[in-house]
Amino acid sequence: TEYVGVNFSDGPITPVPWVGGFTVHCTASKTLTAGAWTTCQI
C-alpha cells in the first residue's frame, strides 16, 4: 500500500512573518480508525 497527499490551493501562497508567534502543545486520547481520517478534539 502506498499513500500520497495532495494540497489544493486557490493560488500562490506566500509565507507570513513569524512575528509575535508562539507554539502551543495540545493532546488527545482518541482511538484512531486504521486507514481512515479520524477527527480529534484537542
PDB file of all heavy atoms in Angstrom:
ATOM      1  N   THR A   1       0.831  -1.197   0.000  1.00  0.00           N
ATOM      2  CA  THR A   1       0.000   0.000   0.000  1.00  0.00           C
ATOM      3  C   THR A   1       0.868   1.250   0.000  1.00  0.00           C
ATOM      4  O   THR A   1       1.825   1.365   0.772  1.00  0.00           O
ATOM      5  CB  THR A   1      -0.937   0.019   1.220  1.00  0.00           C
ATOM      6  OG1 THR A   1      -1.771  -1.145   1.176  1.00  0.00           O
ATOM      7  CG2 THR A   1      -1.816   1.264   1.217  1.00  0.00           C
ATOM      8  N   GLU A   2       0.520   2.180  -0.892  1.00  0.00           N
ATOM      9  CA  GLU A   2       1.210   3.470  -0.989  1.00  0.00           C
ATOM     10  C   GLU A   2       0.222   4.582  -0.633  1.00  0.00           C
ATOM     11  O   GLU A   2      -0.989   4.461  -0.878  1.00  0.00           O
ATOM     12  CB  GLU A   2       1.756   3.697  -2.402  1.00  0.00           C
ATOM     13  CG  GLU A   2       2.427   2.493  -3.037  1.00  0.00           C
ATOM     14  CD  GLU A   2       3.665   2.008  -2.308  1.00  0.00           C
ATOM     15  OE1 GLU A   2       4.216   2.771  -1.497  1.00  0.00           O
ATOM     16  OE2 GLU A   2       4.074   0.866  -2.545  1.00  0.00           O
ATOM     17  N   TYR A   3       0.743   5.669  -0.073  1.00  0.00           N
ATOM     18  CA  TYR A   3      -0.078   6.791   0.392  1.00  0.00           C
ATOM     19  C   TYR A   3       0.471   8.084  -0.198  1.00  0.00           C
ATOM     20  O   TYR A   3       1.679   8.353  -0.105  1.00  0.00           O
ATOM     21  CB  TYR A   3      -0.042   6.890   1.913  1.00  0.00           C
ATOM     22  CG  TYR A   3      -0.443   5.613   2.628  1.00  0.00           C
ATOM     23  CD1 TYR A   3       0.500   4.634   2.933  1.00  0.00           C
ATOM     24  CD2 TYR A   3      -1.764   5.394   3.017  1.00  0.00           C
ATOM     25  CE1 TYR A   3       0.147   3.473   3.594  1.00  0.00           C
ATOM     26  CE2 TYR A   3      -2.135   4.232   3.681  1.00  0.00           C
ATOM     27  CZ  TYR A   3      -1.171   3.271   3.969  1.00  0.00           C
ATOM     28  OH  TYR A   3      -1.528   2.121   4.624  1.00  0.00           O
ATOM     29  N   VAL A   4      -0.407   8.900  -0.777  1.00  0.00           N
ATOM     30  CA  VAL A   4       0.014  10.177  -1.361  1.00  0.00           C
ATOM     31  C   VAL A   4      -0.963  11.264  -0.926  1.00  0.00           C
ATOM     32  O   VAL A   4      -2.190  11.110  -1.083  1.00  0.00           O
ATOM     33  CB  VAL A   4       0.071  10.111  -2.902  1.00  0.00           C
ATOM     34  CG1 VAL A   4       0.359  11.496  -3.491  1.00  0.00           C
ATOM     35  CG2 VAL A   4       1.153   9.131  -3.352  1.00  0.00           C
ATOM     36  N   GLY A   5      -0.423  12.345  -0.377  1.00  0.00           N
ATOM     37  CA  GLY A   5      -1.219  13.517  -0.045  1.00  0.00           C
ATOM     38  C   GLY A   5      -1.037  14.600  -1.089  1.00  0.00           C
ATOM     39  O   GLY A   5       0.063  14.763  -1.641  1.00  0.00           O
ATOM     40  N   VAL A   6      -2.108  15.327  -1.402  1.00  0.00           N
ATOM     41  CA  VAL A   6      -2.032  16.471  -2.310  1.00  0.00           C
ATOM     42  C   VAL A   6      -2.690  17.669  -1.632  1.00  0.00           C
ATOM     43  O   VAL A   6      -3.717  17.536  -0.973  1.00  0.00           O
ATOM     44  CB  VAL A   6      -2.702  16.191  -3.674  1.00  0.00           C
ATOM     45  CG1 VAL A   6      -2.022  15.036  -4.388  1.00  0.00           C
ATOM     46  CG2 VAL A   6      -4.186  15.933  -3.537  1.00  0.00           C
ATOM     47  N   ASN A   7      -2.072  18.825  -1.794  1.00  0.00           N
ATOM     48  CA  ASN A   7      -2.647  20.068  -1.293  1.00  0.00           C
ATOM     49  C   ASN A   7      -3.154  20.888  -2.471  1.00  0.00           C
ATOM     50  O   ASN A   7      -2.383  21.230  -3.377  1.00  0.00           O
ATOM     51  CB  ASN A   7      -1.622  20.876  -0.505  1.00  0.00           C
ATOM     52  CG  ASN A   7      -1.362  20.304   0.866  1.00  0.00           C
ATOM     53  OD1 ASN A   7      -0.682  19.294   1.002  1.00  0.00           O
ATOM     54  ND2 ASN A   7      -1.900  20.950   1.896  1.00  0.00           N
ATOM     55  N   PHE A   8      -4.459  21.163  -2.458  1.00  0.00           N
ATOM     56  CA  PHE A   8      -5.058  22.103  -3.392  1.00  0.00           C
ATOM     57  C   PHE A   8      -4.942  23.515  -2.795  1.00  0.00           C
ATOM     58  O   PHE A   8      -4.982  23.681  -1.571  1.00  0.00           O
ATOM     59  CB  PHE A   8      -6.535  21.782  -3.608  1.00  0.00           C
ATOM     60  CG  PHE A   8      -6.818  20.457  -4.253  1.00  0.00           C
ATOM     61  CD1 PHE A   8      -7.046  19.328  -3.478  1.00  0.00           C
ATOM     62  CD2 PHE A   8      -6.886  20.337  -5.634  1.00  0.00           C
ATOM     63  CE1 PHE A   8      -7.336  18.101  -4.067  1.00  0.00           C
ATOM     64  CE2 PHE A   8      -7.169  19.116  -6.233  1.00  0.00           C
ATOM     65  CZ  PHE A   8      -7.387  17.994  -5.451  1.00  0.00           C
ATOM     66  N   SER A   9      -4.861  24.528  -3.663  1.00  0.00           N
ATOM     67  CA  SER A   9      -4.898  25.912  -3.182  1.00  0.00           C
ATOM     68  C   SER A   9      -5.682  26.755  -4.175  1.00  0.00           C
ATOM     69  O   SER A   9      -5.970  26.308  -5.300  1.00  0.00           O
ATOM     70  CB  SER A   9      -3.485  26.482  -2.993  1.00  0.00           C
ATOM     71  OG  SER A   9      -2.873  26.772  -4.242  1.00  0.00           O
ATOM     72  N   ASP A  10      -6.013  27.979  -3.767  1.00  0.00           N
ATOM     73  CA  ASP A  10      -6.722  28.880  -4.678  1.00  0.00           C
ATOM     74  C   ASP A  10      -5.783  29.878  -5.330  1.00  0.00           C
ATOM     75  O   ASP A  10      -6.224  30.878  -5.899  1.00  0.00           O
ATOM     76  CB  ASP A  10      -7.862  29.602  -3.950  1.00  0.00           C
ATOM     77  CG  ASP A  10      -7.396  30.382  -2.732  1.00  0.00           C
ATOM     78  OD1 ASP A  10      -6.203  30.305  -2.392  1.00  0.00           O
ATOM     79  OD2 ASP A  10      -8.243  31.054  -2.107  1.00  0.00           O
ATOM     80  N   GLY A  11      -4.499  29.614  -5.289  1.00  0.00           N
ATOM     81  CA  GLY A  11      -3.498  30.468  -5.915  1.00  0.00           C
ATOM     82  C   GLY A  11      -2.186  30.377  -5.165  1.00  0.00           C
ATOM     83  O   GLY A  11      -2.040  29.575  -4.230  1.00  0.00           O
ATOM     84  N   PRO A  12      -1.217  31.193  -5.571  1.00  0.00           N
ATOM     85  CA  PRO A  12       0.071  31.188  -4.863  1.00  0.00           C
ATOM     86  C   PRO A  12      -0.102  31.575  -3.401  1.00  0.00           C
ATOM     87  O   PRO A  12      -0.913  32.440  -3.060  1.00  0.00           O
ATOM     88  CB  PRO A  12       0.897  32.243  -5.623  1.00  0.00           C
ATOM     89  CG  PRO A  12       0.244  32.335  -6.966  1.00  0.00           C
ATOM     90  CD  PRO A  12      -1.215  32.099  -6.737  1.00  0.00           C
ATOM     91  N   ILE A  13       0.655  30.915  -2.531  1.00  0.00           N
ATOM     92  CA  ILE A  13       0.616  31.190  -1.092  1.00  0.00           C
ATOM     93  C   ILE A  13       2.017  31.584  -0.649  1.00  0.00           C
ATOM     94  O   ILE A  13       2.960  30.807  -0.795  1.00  0.00           O
ATOM     95  CB  ILE A  13       0.134  29.971  -0.300  1.00  0.00           C
ATOM     96  CG1 ILE A  13      -1.319  29.629  -0.686  1.00  0.00           C
ATOM     97  CG2 ILE A  13       0.225  30.221   1.203  1.00  0.00           C
ATOM     98  CD1 ILE A  13      -1.869  28.412   0.014  1.00  0.00           C
ATOM     99  N   THR A  14       2.140  32.777  -0.140  1.00  0.00           N
ATOM    100  CA  THR A  14       3.434  33.259   0.317  1.00  0.00           C
ATOM    101  C   THR A  14       3.523  33.141   1.833  1.00  0.00           C
ATOM    102  O   THR A  14       2.505  33.197   2.534  1.00  0.00           O
ATOM    103  CB  THR A  14       3.654  34.721  -0.096  1.00  0.00           C
ATOM    104  OG1 THR A  14       2.576  35.519   0.405  1.00  0.00           O
ATOM    105  CG2 THR A  14       3.696  34.853  -1.614  1.00  0.00           C
ATOM    106  N   PRO A  15       4.719  32.968   2.353  1.00  0.00           N
ATOM    107  CA  PRO A  15       4.880  32.888   3.811  1.00  0.00           C
ATOM    108  C   PRO A  15       4.425  34.167   4.497  1.00  0.00           C
ATOM    109  O   PRO A  15       4.420  35.250   3.905  1.00  0.00           O
ATOM    110  CB  PRO A  15       6.393  32.668   3.983  1.00  0.00           C
ATOM    111  CG  PRO A  15       6.866  32.140   2.668  1.00  0.00           C
ATOM    112  CD  PRO A  15       5.998  32.782   1.635  1.00  0.00           C
ATOM    113  N   VAL A  16       4.041  34.039   5.766  1.00  0.00           N
ATOM    114  CA  VAL A  16       3.728  35.201   6.593  1.00  0.00           C
ATOM    115  C   VAL A  16       4.805  35.325   7.659  1.00  0.00           C
ATOM    116  O   VAL A  16       5.371  34.321   8.109  1.00  0.00           O
ATOM    117  CB  VAL A  16       2.331  35.094   7.240  1.00  0.00           C
ATOM    118  CG1 VAL A  16       1.250  35.083   6.179  1.00  0.00           C
ATOM    119  CG2 VAL A  16       2.229  33.853   8.115  1.00  0.00           C
ATOM    120  N   PRO A  17       5.132  36.543   8.054  1.00  0.00           N
ATOM    121  CA  PRO A  17       6.198  36.719   9.059  1.00  0.00           C
ATOM    122  C   PRO A  17       5.822  36.060  10.387  1.00  0.00           C
ATOM    123  O   PRO A  17       4.693  36.188  10.864  1.00  0.00           O
ATOM    124  CB  PRO A  17       6.292  38.245   9.203  1.00  0.00           C
ATOM    125  CG  PRO A  17       5.680  38.790   7.958  1.00  0.00           C
ATOM    126  CD  PRO A  17       4.616  37.827   7.565  1.00  0.00           C
ATOM    127  N   TRP A  18       6.784  35.370  10.973  1.00  0.00           N
ATOM    128  CA  TRP A  18       6.586  34.714  12.268  1.00  0.00           C
ATOM    129  C   TRP A  18       6.892  35.735  13.373  1.00  0.00           C
ATOM    130  O   TRP A  18       7.729  35.523  14.242  1.00  0.00           O
ATOM    131  CB  TRP A  18       7.485  33.480  12.315  1.00  0.00           C
ATOM    132  CG  TRP A  18       7.442  32.634  13.556  1.00  0.00           C
ATOM    133  CD1 TRP A  18       8.500  32.302  14.346  1.00  0.00           C
ATOM    134  CD2 TRP A  18       6.310  31.982  14.151  1.00  0.00           C
ATOM    135  NE1 TRP A  18       8.106  31.501  15.393  1.00  0.00           N
ATOM    136  CE2 TRP A  18       6.753  31.283  15.296  1.00  0.00           C
ATOM    137  CE3 TRP A  18       4.957  31.929  13.825  1.00  0.00           C
ATOM    138  CZ2 TRP A  18       5.917  30.539  16.106  1.00  0.00           C
ATOM    139  CZ3 TRP A  18       4.105  31.185  14.632  1.00  0.00           C
ATOM    140  CH2 TRP A  18       4.596  30.504  15.763  1.00  0.00           C
ATOM    141  N   VAL A  19       6.182  36.850  13.328  1.00  0.00           N
ATOM    142  CA  VAL A  19       6.399  37.937  14.280  1.00  0.00           C
ATOM    143  C   VAL A  19       5.320  37.867  15.355  1.00  0.00           C
ATOM    144  O   VAL A  19       4.122  37.895  15.049  1.00  0.00           O
ATOM    145  CB  VAL A  19       6.353  39.310  13.579  1.00  0.00           C
ATOM    146  CG1 VAL A  19       6.499  40.432  14.604  1.00  0.00           C
ATOM    147  CG2 VAL A  19       7.436  39.407  12.524  1.00  0.00           C
ATOM    148  N   GLY A  20       5.741  37.765  16.606  1.00  0.00           N
ATOM    149  CA  GLY A  20       4.796  37.657  17.702  1.00  0.00           C
ATOM    150  C   GLY A  20       4.160  36.292  17.820  1.00  0.00           C
ATOM    151  O   GLY A  20       3.221  36.106  18.600  1.00  0.00           O
ATOM    152  N   GLY A  21       4.658  35.320  17.057  1.00  0.00           N
ATOM    153  CA  GLY A  21       4.078  33.992  17.086  1.00  0.00           C
ATOM    154  C   GLY A  21       4.572  33.153  18.250  1.00  0.00           C
ATOM    155  O   GLY A  21       5.601  33.430  18.861  1.00  0.00           O
ATOM    156  N   PHE A  22       3.811  32.123  18.565  1.00  0.00           N
ATOM    157  CA  PHE A  22       4.210  31.177  19.610  1.00  0.00           C
ATOM    158  C   PHE A  22       3.590  29.825  19.278  1.00  0.00           C
ATOM    159  O   PHE A  22       2.695  29.710  18.422  1.00  0.00           O
ATOM    160  CB  PHE A  22       3.754  31.657  20.994  1.00  0.00           C
ATOM    161  CG  PHE A  22       2.258  31.702  21.169  1.00  0.00           C
ATOM    162  CD1 PHE A  22       1.567  30.632  21.734  1.00  0.00           C
ATOM    163  CD2 PHE A  22       1.523  32.810  20.741  1.00  0.00           C
ATOM    164  CE1 PHE A  22       0.189  30.675  21.887  1.00  0.00           C
ATOM    165  CE2 PHE A  22       0.142  32.851  20.897  1.00  0.00           C
ATOM    166  CZ  PHE A  22      -0.525  31.777  21.469  1.00  0.00           C
ATOM    167  N   THR A  23       4.054  28.777  19.932  1.00  0.00           N
ATOM    168  CA  THR A  23       3.573  27.426  19.687  1.00  0.00           C
ATOM    169  C   THR A  23       2.969  26.868  20.970  1.00  0.00           C
ATOM    170  O   THR A  23       3.581  26.946  22.040  1.00  0.00           O
ATOM    171  CB  THR A  23       4.711  26.510  19.217  1.00  0.00           C
ATOM    172  OG1 THR A  23       5.266  27.049  18.003  1.00  0.00           O
ATOM    173  CG2 THR A  23       4.210  25.092  18.953  1.00  0.00           C
ATOM    174  N   VAL A  24       1.766  26.308  20.858  1.00  0.00           N
ATOM    175  CA  VAL A  24       1.098  25.706  22.000  1.00  0.00           C
ATOM    176  C   VAL A  24       0.988  24.196  21.771  1.00  0.00           C
ATOM    177  O   VAL A  24       0.677  23.750  20.662  1.00  0.00           O
ATOM    178  CB  VAL A  24      -0.297  26.335  22.234  1.00  0.00           C
ATOM    179  CG1 VAL A  24      -1.216  26.124  21.037  1.00  0.00           C
ATOM    180  CG2 VAL A  24      -0.945  25.767  23.494  1.00  0.00           C
ATOM    181  N   HIS A  25       1.252  23.420  22.817  1.00  0.00           N
ATOM    182  CA  HIS A  25       1.158  21.964  22.755  1.00  0.00           C
ATOM    183  C   HIS A  25      -0.217  21.528  23.230  1.00  0.00           C
ATOM    184  O   HIS A  25      -0.743  22.038  24.227  1.00  0.00           O
ATOM    185  CB  HIS A  25       2.246  21.326  23.630  1.00  0.00           C
ATOM    186  CG  HIS A  25       2.157  19.830  23.710  1.00  0.00           C
ATOM    187  ND1 HIS A  25       1.736  19.158  24.837  1.00  0.00           N
ATOM    188  CD2 HIS A  25       2.429  18.879  22.777  1.00  0.00           C
ATOM    189  CE1 HIS A  25       1.761  17.849  24.605  1.00  0.00           C
ATOM    190  NE2 HIS A  25       2.170  17.658  23.367  1.00  0.00           N
ATOM    191  N   CYS A  26      -0.812  20.581  22.490  1.00  0.00           N
ATOM    192  CA  CYS A  26      -2.127  20.039  22.820  1.00  0.00           C
ATOM    193  C   CYS A  26      -2.069  18.516  22.759  1.00  0.00           C
ATOM    194  O   CYS A  26      -1.146  17.940  22.183  1.00  0.00           O
ATOM    195  CB  CYS A  26      -3.196  20.538  21.841  1.00  0.00           C
ATOM    196  SG  CYS A  26      -3.286  22.336  21.661  1.00  0.00           S
ATOM    197  N   THR A  27      -3.051  17.875  23.353  1.00  0.00           N
ATOM    198  CA  THR A  27      -3.101  16.414  23.351  1.00  0.00           C
ATOM    199  C   THR A  27      -4.511  15.933  23.056  1.00  0.00           C
ATOM    200  O   THR A  27      -5.486  16.688  23.129  1.00  0.00           O
ATOM    201  CB  THR A  27      -2.654  15.828  24.699  1.00  0.00           C
ATOM    202  OG1 THR A  27      -3.481  16.380  25.743  1.00  0.00           O
ATOM    203  CG2 THR A  27      -1.193  16.141  24.989  1.00  0.00           C
ATOM    204  N   ALA A  28      -4.599  14.634  22.725  1.00  0.00           N
ATOM    205  CA  ALA A  28      -5.878  13.937  22.608  1.00  0.00           C
ATOM    206  C   ALA A  28      -5.630  12.473  22.920  1.00  0.00           C
ATOM    207  O   ALA A  28      -4.496  11.985  22.816  1.00  0.00           O
ATOM    208  CB  ALA A  28      -6.473  14.099  21.219  1.00  0.00           C
ATOM    209  N   SER A  29      -6.668  11.771  23.319  1.00  0.00           N
ATOM    210  CA  SER A  29      -6.589  10.333  23.589  1.00  0.00           C
ATOM    211  C   SER A  29      -7.672   9.620  22.804  1.00  0.00           C
ATOM    212  O   SER A  29      -8.447   8.825  23.332  1.00  0.00           O
ATOM    213  CB  SER A  29      -6.737  10.058  25.096  1.00  0.00           C
ATOM    214  OG  SER A  29      -5.697  10.661  25.823  1.00  0.00           O
ATOM    215  N   LYS A  30      -7.708   9.920  21.524  1.00  0.00           N
ATOM    216  CA  LYS A  30      -8.708   9.350  20.627  1.00  0.00           C
ATOM    217  C   LYS A  30      -8.175   8.049  20.026  1.00  0.00           C
ATOM    218  O   LYS A  30      -7.014   7.979  19.606  1.00  0.00           O
ATOM    219  CB  LYS A  30      -9.005  10.347  19.508  1.00  0.00           C
ATOM    220  CG  LYS A  30     -10.041   9.900  18.500  1.00  0.00           C
ATOM    221  CD  LYS A  30     -11.439  10.126  19.004  1.00  0.00           C
ATOM    222  CE  LYS A  30     -12.468   9.901  17.905  1.00  0.00           C
ATOM    223  NZ  LYS A  30     -13.834  10.200  18.359  1.00  0.00           N
ATOM    224  N   THR A  31      -8.994   7.012  19.981  1.00  0.00           N
ATOM    225  CA  THR A  31      -8.611   5.793  19.274  1.00  0.00           C
ATOM    226  C   THR A  31      -8.862   6.008  17.793  1.00  0.00           C
ATOM    227  O   THR A  31     -10.008   6.177  17.355  1.00  0.00           O
ATOM    228  CB  THR A  31      -9.416   4.585  19.780  1.00  0.00           C
ATOM    229  OG1 THR A  31      -9.142   4.386  21.168  1.00  0.00           O
ATOM    230  CG2 THR A  31      -9.021   3.331  19.014  1.00  0.00           C
ATOM    231  N   LEU A  32      -7.779   6.051  17.026  1.00  0.00           N
ATOM    232  CA  LEU A  32      -7.878   6.344  15.604  1.00  0.00           C
ATOM    233  C   LEU A  32      -8.369   5.116  14.835  1.00  0.00           C
ATOM    234  O   LEU A  32      -8.090   3.974  15.210  1.00  0.00           O
ATOM    235  CB  LEU A  32      -6.517   6.786  15.063  1.00  0.00           C
ATOM    236  CG  LEU A  32      -5.852   7.962  15.776  1.00  0.00           C
ATOM    237  CD1 LEU A  32      -4.524   8.303  15.115  1.00  0.00           C
ATOM    238  CD2 LEU A  32      -6.770   9.187  15.802  1.00  0.00           C
ATOM    239  N   THR A  33      -9.084   5.377  13.760  1.00  0.00           N
ATOM    240  CA  THR A  33      -9.506   4.302  12.860  1.00  0.00           C
ATOM    241  C   THR A  33      -8.397   4.042  11.859  1.00  0.00           C
ATOM    242  O   THR A  33      -7.977   4.957  11.139  1.00  0.00           O
ATOM    243  CB  THR A  33     -10.799   4.686  12.122  1.00  0.00           C
ATOM    244  OG1 THR A  33     -11.830   4.937  13.084  1.00  0.00           O
ATOM    245  CG2 THR A  33     -11.238   3.580  11.185  1.00  0.00           C
ATOM    246  N   ALA A  34      -7.882   2.830  11.811  1.00  0.00           N
ATOM    247  CA  ALA A  34      -6.774   2.500  10.915  1.00  0.00           C
ATOM    248  C   ALA A  34      -7.195   2.688   9.461  1.00  0.00           C
ATOM    249  O   ALA A  34      -8.259   2.231   9.037  1.00  0.00           O
ATOM    250  CB  ALA A  34      -6.316   1.064  11.149  1.00  0.00           C
ATOM    251  N   GLY A  35      -6.360   3.395   8.701  1.00  0.00           N
ATOM    252  CA  GLY A  35      -6.603   3.566   7.278  1.00  0.00           C
ATOM    253  C   GLY A  35      -7.707   4.529   6.922  1.00  0.00           C
ATOM    254  O   GLY A  35      -8.274   4.443   5.834  1.00  0.00           O
ATOM    255  N   ALA A  36      -8.026   5.471   7.819  1.00  0.00           N
ATOM    256  CA  ALA A  36      -9.084   6.445   7.560  1.00  0.00           C
ATOM    257  C   ALA A  36      -8.803   7.714   8.361  1.00  0.00           C
ATOM    258  O   ALA A  36      -8.002   7.715   9.298  1.00  0.00           O
ATOM    259  CB  ALA A  36     -10.450   5.877   7.926  1.00  0.00           C
ATOM    260  N   TRP A  37      -9.483   8.796   7.987  1.00  0.00           N
ATOM    261  CA  TRP A  37      -9.401  10.021   8.773  1.00  0.00           C
ATOM    262  C   TRP A  37     -10.198   9.856  10.062  1.00  0.00           C
ATOM    263  O   TRP A  37     -11.315   9.351  10.050  1.00  0.00           O
ATOM    264  CB  TRP A  37      -9.972  11.211   8.000  1.00  0.00           C
ATOM    265  CG  TRP A  37      -9.183  11.669   6.814  1.00  0.00           C
ATOM    266  CD1 TRP A  37      -9.529  11.549   5.500  1.00  0.00           C
ATOM    267  CD2 TRP A  37      -7.930  12.366   6.827  1.00  0.00           C
ATOM    268  NE1 TRP A  37      -8.572  12.115   4.697  1.00  0.00           N
ATOM    269  CE2 TRP A  37      -7.580  12.635   5.478  1.00  0.00           C
ATOM    270  CE3 TRP A  37      -7.068  12.787   7.838  1.00  0.00           C
ATOM    271  CZ2 TRP A  37      -6.412  13.296   5.124  1.00  0.00           C
ATOM    272  CZ3 TRP A  37      -5.898  13.446   7.493  1.00  0.00           C
ATOM    273  CH2 TRP A  37      -5.572  13.701   6.162  1.00  0.00           C
ATOM    274  N   THR A  38      -9.627  10.313  11.186  1.00  0.00           N
ATOM    275  CA  THR A  38     -10.325  10.361  12.470  1.00  0.00           C
ATOM    276  C   THR A  38     -10.221  11.777  13.013  1.00  0.00           C
ATOM    277  O   THR A  38      -9.127  12.347  13.073  1.00  0.00           O
ATOM    278  CB  THR A  38      -9.711   9.384  13.482  1.00  0.00           C
ATOM    279  OG1 THR A  38      -9.742   8.060  12.950  1.00  0.00           O
ATOM    280  CG2 THR A  38     -10.486   9.412  14.795  1.00  0.00           C
ATOM    281  N   THR A  39     -11.344  12.355  13.397  1.00  0.00           N
ATOM    282  CA  THR A  39     -11.356  13.721  13.920  1.00  0.00           C
ATOM    283  C   THR A  39     -11.130  13.704  15.425  1.00  0.00           C
ATOM    284  O   THR A  39     -11.814  12.983  16.156  1.00  0.00           O
ATOM    285  CB  THR A  39     -12.690  14.412  13.588  1.00  0.00           C
ATOM    286  OG1 THR A  39     -12.863  14.421  12.166  1.00  0.00           O
ATOM    287  CG2 THR A  39     -12.689  15.848  14.096  1.00  0.00           C
ATOM    288  N   CYS A  40     -10.174  14.518  15.888  1.00  0.00           N
ATOM    289  CA  CYS A  40      -9.782  14.550  17.299  1.00  0.00           C
ATOM    290  C   CYS A  40     -10.126  15.899  17.919  1.00  0.00           C
ATOM    291  O   CYS A  40      -9.859  16.951  17.321  1.00  0.00           O
ATOM    292  CB  CYS A  40      -8.283  14.311  17.449  1.00  0.00           C
ATOM    293  SG  CYS A  40      -7.703  12.714  16.830  1.00  0.00           S
ATOM    294  N   GLN A  41     -10.702  15.860  19.122  1.00  0.00           N
ATOM    295  CA  GLN A  41     -10.861  17.058  19.947  1.00  0.00           C
ATOM    296  C   GLN A  41      -9.549  17.277  20.698  1.00  0.00           C
ATOM    297  O   GLN A  41      -9.046  16.351  21.335  1.00  0.00           O
ATOM    298  CB  GLN A  41     -12.002  16.868  20.943  1.00  0.00           C
ATOM    299  CG  GLN A  41     -13.339  16.559  20.314  1.00  0.00           C
ATOM    300  CD  GLN A  41     -14.084  17.805  19.887  1.00  0.00           C
ATOM    301  OE1 GLN A  41     -13.639  18.928  20.144  1.00  0.00           O
ATOM    302  NE2 GLN A  41     -15.223  17.623  19.244  1.00  0.00           N
ATOM    303  N   ILE A  42      -8.998  18.469  20.628  1.00  0.00           N
ATOM    304  CA  ILE A  42      -7.699  18.719  21.238  1.00  0.00           C
ATOM    305  C   ILE A  42      -7.841  19.501  22.543  1.00  0.00           C
ATOM    306  O   ILE A  42      -8.770  20.290  22.713  1.00  0.00           O
ATOM    307  CB  ILE A  42      -6.752  19.467  20.271  1.00  0.00           C
ATOM    308  CG1 ILE A  42      -7.297  20.866  19.931  1.00  0.00           C
ATOM    309  CG2 ILE A  42      -6.559  18.642  18.999  1.00  0.00           C
ATOM    310  CD1 ILE A  42      -6.335  21.692  19.082  1.00  0.00           C
TER     311      ILE A  42
END
